[in-house]
Amino acid sequence: MPHESNDSDLNHRERATLQAVAAGGAEITASCEPDLFLDGLACCDQATAHRLARRGLIAPAFEGKPGQRVPAVLTEAGRAALSVPVAA
């Protein structure tokens, strides 16, 4: 079960990574420890990306084949952590 989070328990790097995913252009690999790519480049802190995925704050937009890059999105919990409005 994903860990519930709010903005106060995110460090600066986690918040910045969530903001980058929210801005668009992020991809995540389909795997149990997904890697994150921002604008086509590997995220410099994969440990943070793994933490955000395990906590249920970022996720693939759809299920891909193992190892495939798919668009990354903020989950409802990720949007709440950043206070991003939910799209209707």
N, C-alpha and C. Protein backbone atom coordinates (compact mmCIF):
# COMPACT_ATOMS: atom_id res chain seq x y z
N MET A 1 0.85 -1.18 0.00
CA MET A 1 0.00 0.00 0.00
C MET A 1 0.89 1.24 0.00
N PRO A 2 0.64 2.21 -0.87
CA PRO A 2 1.46 3.42 -0.93
C PRO A 2 1.40 4.19 0.37
N HIS A 3 2.52 4.76 0.71
CA HIS A 3 2.64 5.61 1.89
C HIS A 3 1.93 6.93 1.62
N GLU A 4 1.06 7.35 2.53
CA GLU A 4 0.41 8.65 2.34
C GLU A 4 1.43 9.73 2.62
N SER A 5 1.35 10.79 1.85
CA SER A 5 2.34 11.86 1.95
C SER A 5 1.65 13.20 1.88
N ASN A 6 2.32 14.18 2.40
CA ASN A 6 1.91 15.55 2.18
C ASN A 6 3.16 16.38 1.98
N ASP A 7 2.99 17.61 1.57
CA ASP A 7 4.12 18.46 1.22
C ASP A 7 5.13 18.59 2.35
N SER A 8 4.67 18.55 3.59
CA SER A 8 5.57 18.78 4.71
C SER A 8 6.57 17.65 4.93
N ASP A 9 6.28 16.44 4.43
CA ASP A 9 7.24 15.36 4.62
C ASP A 9 8.03 15.02 3.36
N LEU A 10 8.03 15.92 2.39
CA LEU A 10 8.84 15.78 1.20
C LEU A 10 10.08 16.66 1.33
N ASN A 11 11.24 16.12 0.94
CA ASN A 11 12.42 16.99 0.95
C ASN A 11 12.44 17.81 -0.34
N HIS A 12 13.38 18.73 -0.43
CA HIS A 12 13.45 19.64 -1.58
C HIS A 12 13.58 18.87 -2.90
N ARG A 13 14.44 17.87 -2.92
CA ARG A 13 14.67 17.11 -4.15
C ARG A 13 13.42 16.33 -4.57
N GLU A 14 12.72 15.75 -3.60
CA GLU A 14 11.48 15.03 -3.92
C GLU A 14 10.43 15.99 -4.48
N ARG A 15 10.30 17.16 -3.87
CA ARG A 15 9.34 18.17 -4.36
C ARG A 15 9.71 18.61 -5.77
N ALA A 16 10.99 18.86 -6.01
CA ALA A 16 11.45 19.30 -7.34
C ALA A 16 11.20 18.22 -8.38
N THR A 17 11.41 16.97 -8.02
CA THR A 17 11.17 15.87 -8.96
C THR A 17 9.68 15.75 -9.28
N LEU A 18 8.82 15.87 -8.27
CA LEU A 18 7.38 15.85 -8.51
C LEU A 18 6.97 17.01 -9.41
N GLN A 19 7.54 18.17 -9.19
CA GLN A 19 7.22 19.33 -10.04
C GLN A 19 7.65 19.09 -11.48
N ALA A 20 8.79 18.44 -11.67
CA ALA A 20 9.26 18.14 -13.02
C ALA A 20 8.32 17.16 -13.71
N VAL A 21 7.84 16.16 -12.99
CA VAL A 21 6.87 15.21 -13.56
C VAL A 21 5.58 15.94 -13.90
N ALA A 22 5.13 16.82 -13.00
CA ALA A 22 3.89 17.57 -13.23
C ALA A 22 4.00 18.47 -14.46
N ALA A 23 5.20 18.95 -14.75
CA ALA A 23 5.41 19.85 -15.90
C ALA A 23 5.29 19.12 -17.23
N GLY A 24 5.36 17.79 -17.21
CA GLY A 24 5.25 17.01 -18.45
C GLY A 24 6.61 16.62 -18.98
N GLY A 25 6.61 15.71 -19.94
CA GLY A 25 7.85 15.27 -20.57
C GLY A 25 8.61 14.22 -19.78
N ALA A 26 8.02 13.71 -18.69
CA ALA A 26 8.69 12.68 -17.90
C ALA A 26 8.27 11.30 -18.37
N GLU A 27 9.21 10.37 -18.30
CA GLU A 27 8.94 8.98 -18.62
C GLU A 27 9.44 8.11 -17.47
N ILE A 28 8.81 6.95 -17.33
CA ILE A 28 9.19 6.02 -16.27
C ILE A 28 9.24 4.63 -16.89
N THR A 29 10.18 3.81 -16.44
CA THR A 29 10.26 2.46 -16.98
C THR A 29 9.26 1.56 -16.28
N ALA A 30 8.74 0.61 -17.01
CA ALA A 30 7.83 -0.39 -16.46
C ALA A 30 8.67 -1.45 -15.77
N SER A 31 8.80 -1.35 -14.46
CA SER A 31 9.57 -2.32 -13.69
C SER A 31 9.23 -2.17 -12.21
N CYS A 32 9.70 -3.12 -11.41
CA CYS A 32 9.41 -3.05 -9.97
C CYS A 32 10.18 -1.92 -9.30
N GLU A 33 11.31 -1.52 -9.83
CA GLU A 33 12.07 -0.35 -9.37
C GLU A 33 12.23 0.57 -10.57
N PRO A 34 11.18 1.33 -10.89
CA PRO A 34 11.19 2.11 -12.13
C PRO A 34 12.21 3.23 -12.14
N ASP A 35 12.83 3.42 -13.31
CA ASP A 35 13.74 4.53 -13.50
C ASP A 35 12.96 5.68 -14.14
N LEU A 36 13.36 6.89 -13.80
CA LEU A 36 12.68 8.09 -14.27
C LEU A 36 13.57 8.82 -15.26
N PHE A 37 12.95 9.33 -16.32
CA PHE A 37 13.64 10.11 -17.34
C PHE A 37 12.90 11.43 -17.49
N LEU A 38 13.64 12.53 -17.53
CA LEU A 38 13.07 13.87 -17.67
C LEU A 38 13.58 14.48 -18.96
N ASP A 39 12.67 14.82 -19.85
CA ASP A 39 13.04 15.36 -21.16
C ASP A 39 14.05 14.48 -21.87
N GLY A 40 13.86 13.15 -21.75
CA GLY A 40 14.70 12.19 -22.44
C GLY A 40 15.98 11.80 -21.74
N LEU A 41 16.34 12.48 -20.66
CA LEU A 41 17.58 12.19 -19.94
C LEU A 41 17.26 11.48 -18.63
N ALA A 42 18.14 10.55 -18.25
CA ALA A 42 17.96 9.84 -16.99
C ALA A 42 18.00 10.83 -15.84
N CYS A 43 17.06 10.68 -14.92
CA CYS A 43 17.03 11.51 -13.70
C CYS A 43 18.34 11.27 -12.94
N CYS A 44 18.94 12.33 -12.44
CA CYS A 44 20.24 12.21 -11.77
C CYS A 44 20.13 11.56 -10.40
N ASP A 45 18.92 11.41 -9.87
CA ASP A 45 18.73 10.81 -8.55
C ASP A 45 17.66 9.72 -8.64
N GLN A 46 18.08 8.54 -9.10
CA GLN A 46 17.13 7.45 -9.24
C GLN A 46 16.62 6.97 -7.89
N ALA A 47 17.40 7.13 -6.81
CA ALA A 47 16.92 6.74 -5.48
C ALA A 47 15.67 7.55 -5.11
N THR A 48 15.66 8.84 -5.45
CA THR A 48 14.48 9.67 -5.20
C THR A 48 13.33 9.20 -6.07
N ALA A 49 13.59 8.91 -7.33
CA ALA A 49 12.53 8.42 -8.23
C ALA A 49 11.93 7.13 -7.69
N HIS A 50 12.78 6.22 -7.22
CA HIS A 50 12.28 4.96 -6.67
C HIS A 50 11.42 5.21 -5.43
N ARG A 51 11.88 6.11 -4.57
CA ARG A 51 11.10 6.45 -3.35
C ARG A 51 9.73 7.00 -3.72
N LEU A 52 9.69 7.92 -4.68
CA LEU A 52 8.42 8.53 -5.08
C LEU A 52 7.47 7.49 -5.67
N ALA A 53 8.01 6.55 -6.43
CA ALA A 53 7.18 5.49 -7.00
C ALA A 53 6.68 4.55 -5.91
N ARG A 54 7.56 4.16 -4.99
CA ARG A 54 7.15 3.27 -3.90
C ARG A 54 6.09 3.92 -3.01
N ARG A 55 6.19 5.23 -2.84
CA ARG A 55 5.22 5.95 -2.01
C ARG A 55 3.93 6.24 -2.76
N GLY A 56 3.88 5.87 -4.03
CA GLY A 56 2.66 6.05 -4.80
C GLY A 56 2.41 7.49 -5.22
N LEU A 57 3.48 8.28 -5.40
CA LEU A 57 3.34 9.68 -5.79
C LEU A 57 3.50 9.88 -7.29
N ILE A 58 4.26 8.99 -7.93
CA ILE A 58 4.37 8.99 -9.39
C ILE A 58 4.08 7.58 -9.88
N ALA A 59 3.63 7.50 -11.12
CA ALA A 59 3.27 6.19 -11.69
C ALA A 59 3.31 6.28 -13.20
N PRO A 60 3.35 5.13 -13.85
CA PRO A 60 3.23 5.14 -15.31
C PRO A 60 1.81 5.54 -15.71
N ALA A 61 1.69 6.25 -16.82
CA ALA A 61 0.37 6.64 -17.32
C ALA A 61 -0.42 5.42 -17.78
N PHE A 62 0.30 4.38 -18.22
CA PHE A 62 -0.34 3.13 -18.61
C PHE A 62 0.70 2.02 -18.46
N GLU A 63 0.23 0.79 -18.42
CA GLU A 63 1.11 -0.35 -18.24
C GLU A 63 1.90 -0.59 -19.52
N GLY A 64 3.19 -0.78 -19.36
CA GLY A 64 4.04 -1.06 -20.51
C GLY A 64 4.68 -2.43 -20.38
N LYS A 65 5.44 -2.80 -21.39
CA LYS A 65 6.20 -4.04 -21.35
C LYS A 65 7.38 -3.84 -20.39
N PRO A 66 7.86 -4.90 -19.75
CA PRO A 66 8.99 -4.76 -18.82
C PRO A 66 10.15 -3.99 -19.46
N GLY A 67 10.59 -2.97 -18.78
CA GLY A 67 11.71 -2.14 -19.24
C GLY A 67 11.33 -1.02 -20.19
N GLN A 68 10.11 -1.05 -20.70
CA GLN A 68 9.66 -0.02 -21.65
C GLN A 68 9.48 1.32 -20.93
N ARG A 69 9.86 2.40 -21.59
CA ARG A 69 9.58 3.75 -21.08
C ARG A 69 8.17 4.14 -21.48
N VAL A 70 7.42 4.62 -20.51
CA VAL A 70 6.06 5.12 -20.75
C VAL A 70 5.95 6.47 -20.06
N PRO A 71 4.99 7.29 -20.44
CA PRO A 71 4.84 8.58 -19.77
C PRO A 71 4.65 8.41 -18.26
N ALA A 72 5.27 9.29 -17.50
CA ALA A 72 5.12 9.30 -16.04
C ALA A 72 4.12 10.40 -15.67
N VAL A 73 3.31 10.11 -14.68
CA VAL A 73 2.32 11.07 -14.21
C VAL A 73 2.33 11.13 -12.69
N LEU A 74 1.82 12.23 -12.18
CA LEU A 74 1.58 12.30 -10.74
C LEU A 74 0.31 11.52 -10.44
N THR A 75 0.31 10.80 -9.36
CA THR A 75 -0.90 10.14 -8.90
C THR A 75 -1.73 11.17 -8.14
N GLU A 76 -2.90 10.76 -7.72
CA GLU A 76 -3.73 11.66 -6.91
C GLU A 76 -2.96 12.08 -5.66
N ALA A 77 -2.25 11.13 -5.04
CA ALA A 77 -1.46 11.45 -3.86
C ALA A 77 -0.32 12.41 -4.20
N GLY A 78 0.29 12.24 -5.37
CA GLY A 78 1.35 13.14 -5.81
C GLY A 78 0.84 14.55 -6.04
N ARG A 79 -0.34 14.66 -6.67
CA ARG A 79 -0.94 15.98 -6.88
C ARG A 79 -1.29 16.63 -5.54
N ALA A 80 -1.80 15.83 -4.62
CA ALA A 80 -2.15 16.36 -3.29
C ALA A 80 -0.89 16.84 -2.57
N ALA A 81 0.21 16.09 -2.72
CA ALA A 81 1.45 16.47 -2.06
C ALA A 81 1.95 17.82 -2.56
N LEU A 82 1.69 18.12 -3.83
CA LEU A 82 2.09 19.40 -4.39
C LEU A 82 0.94 20.41 -4.43
N SER A 83 -0.23 19.99 -3.98
CA SER A 83 -1.44 20.84 -4.04
C SER A 83 -1.76 21.23 -5.47
N VAL A 84 -1.59 20.26 -6.40
CA VAL A 84 -1.93 20.47 -7.81
C VAL A 84 -3.39 20.10 -7.99
N PRO A 85 -4.18 20.96 -8.60
CA PRO A 85 -5.59 20.63 -8.81
C PRO A 85 -5.76 19.37 -9.67
N VAL A 86 -6.75 18.57 -9.35
CA VAL A 86 -7.06 17.37 -10.12
C VAL A 86 -7.81 17.78 -11.37
N ALA A 87 -7.36 17.27 -12.53
CA ALA A 87 -8.04 17.59 -13.80
C ALA A 87 -9.42 16.95 -13.82
N ALA A 88 -10.38 17.67 -14.37
CA ALA A 88 -11.75 17.13 -14.43
C ALA A 88 -11.94 16.19 -15.57
